Amino acid sequence: LMDVVASGKRAVLFFCVQHSGATAARPADEIDARYGQLLREAIEKGVEVLAWKVALSAEGFELEKPLPIAL
């Protein structure tokens, strides 16, 4: 995605947050510090990161509301 932005195009990383108690999305640095580092680098280079809370049901899922990204 960083290469896409560097080429002059838009790049978006979209997180569907399924945990019902979630109030924000964040990289789990304690599990994968490299991923967190790369996510922050991507944001600095212009990759847009969006997170939305998702409601799950037997019929499917529905986007409920946007969540902040906690870095």
Protein backbone atom coordinates (compact mmCIF):
# COMPACT_ATOMS: atom_id res chain seq x y z
CA LEU A 1 0.00 0.00 0.00
CA MET A 2 2.90 2.34 0.63
CA ASP A 3 4.06 1.73 -2.95
CA VAL A 4 0.55 2.54 -4.21
CA VAL A 5 0.63 5.89 -2.40
CA ALA A 6 4.17 6.56 -3.67
CA SER A 7 2.86 6.08 -7.21
CA GLY A 8 0.35 8.88 -6.65
CA LYS A 9 -2.74 6.75 -6.03
CA ARG A 10 -4.98 6.41 -3.00
CA ALA A 11 -4.52 3.41 -0.71
CA VAL A 12 -6.84 2.46 2.16
CA LEU A 13 -6.47 -0.23 4.81
CA PHE A 14 -9.91 -1.06 6.21
CA PHE A 15 -10.42 -2.89 9.51
CA CYS A 16 -13.76 -4.55 10.34
CA VAL A 17 -13.83 -4.68 14.14
CA GLN A 18 -16.07 -7.51 15.29
CA HIS A 19 -15.54 -7.39 19.07
CA SER A 20 -18.72 -5.99 20.61
CA GLY A 21 -16.85 -4.14 23.35
CA ALA A 22 -14.29 -2.44 21.11
CA THR A 23 -14.09 1.34 21.29
CA ALA A 24 -11.01 1.76 19.06
CA ALA A 25 -8.71 -0.23 16.80
CA ARG A 26 -4.97 -0.52 17.40
CA PRO A 27 -2.07 -2.68 16.35
CA ALA A 28 -1.28 -5.40 18.89
CA ASP A 29 2.34 -4.40 19.37
CA GLU A 30 2.69 -6.91 22.20
CA ILE A 31 1.93 -9.71 19.72
CA ASP A 32 3.61 -8.39 16.56
CA ALA A 33 5.73 -5.30 17.07
CA ARG A 34 6.88 -5.31 13.42
CA TYR A 35 3.29 -5.07 12.19
CA GLY A 36 2.67 -2.07 14.46
CA GLN A 37 5.83 -0.42 13.21
CA LEU A 38 4.86 -0.96 9.57
CA LEU A 39 1.32 0.29 10.17
CA ARG A 40 2.65 3.52 11.64
CA GLU A 41 5.09 3.90 8.75
CA ALA A 42 2.29 3.34 6.24
CA ILE A 43 0.17 6.04 7.89
CA GLU A 44 3.13 8.46 7.83
CA LYS A 45 3.55 7.77 4.12
CA GLY A 46 -0.09 8.51 3.37
CA VAL A 47 -1.94 5.21 3.57
CA GLU A 48 -5.42 5.89 4.92
CA VAL A 49 -6.47 3.59 7.75
CA LEU A 50 -10.13 3.20 8.61
CA ALA A 51 -11.79 1.04 11.26
CA TRP A 52 -15.49 0.33 11.57
CA LYS A 53 -17.38 -1.54 14.25
CA VAL A 54 -19.32 -4.39 12.67
CA ALA A 55 -22.53 -5.98 13.95
CA LEU A 56 -22.75 -9.71 13.28
CA SER A 57 -25.96 -11.68 12.96
CA ALA A 58 -27.19 -14.91 11.40
CA GLU A 59 -28.12 -12.89 8.29
CA GLY A 60 -24.67 -11.36 7.85
CA PHE A 61 -22.86 -8.29 9.08
CA GLU A 62 -23.52 -4.58 9.03
CA LEU A 63 -21.20 -1.64 9.47
CA GLU A 64 -22.32 0.20 12.62
CA LYS A 65 -19.98 3.12 13.21
CA PRO A 66 -16.43 4.28 12.58
CA LEU A 67 -13.86 3.73 15.33
CA PRO A 68 -10.74 5.74 16.07
CA ILE A 69 -7.33 4.26 15.38
CA ALA A 70 -5.21 4.25 18.56
CA LEU A 71 -1.51 4.37 17.79
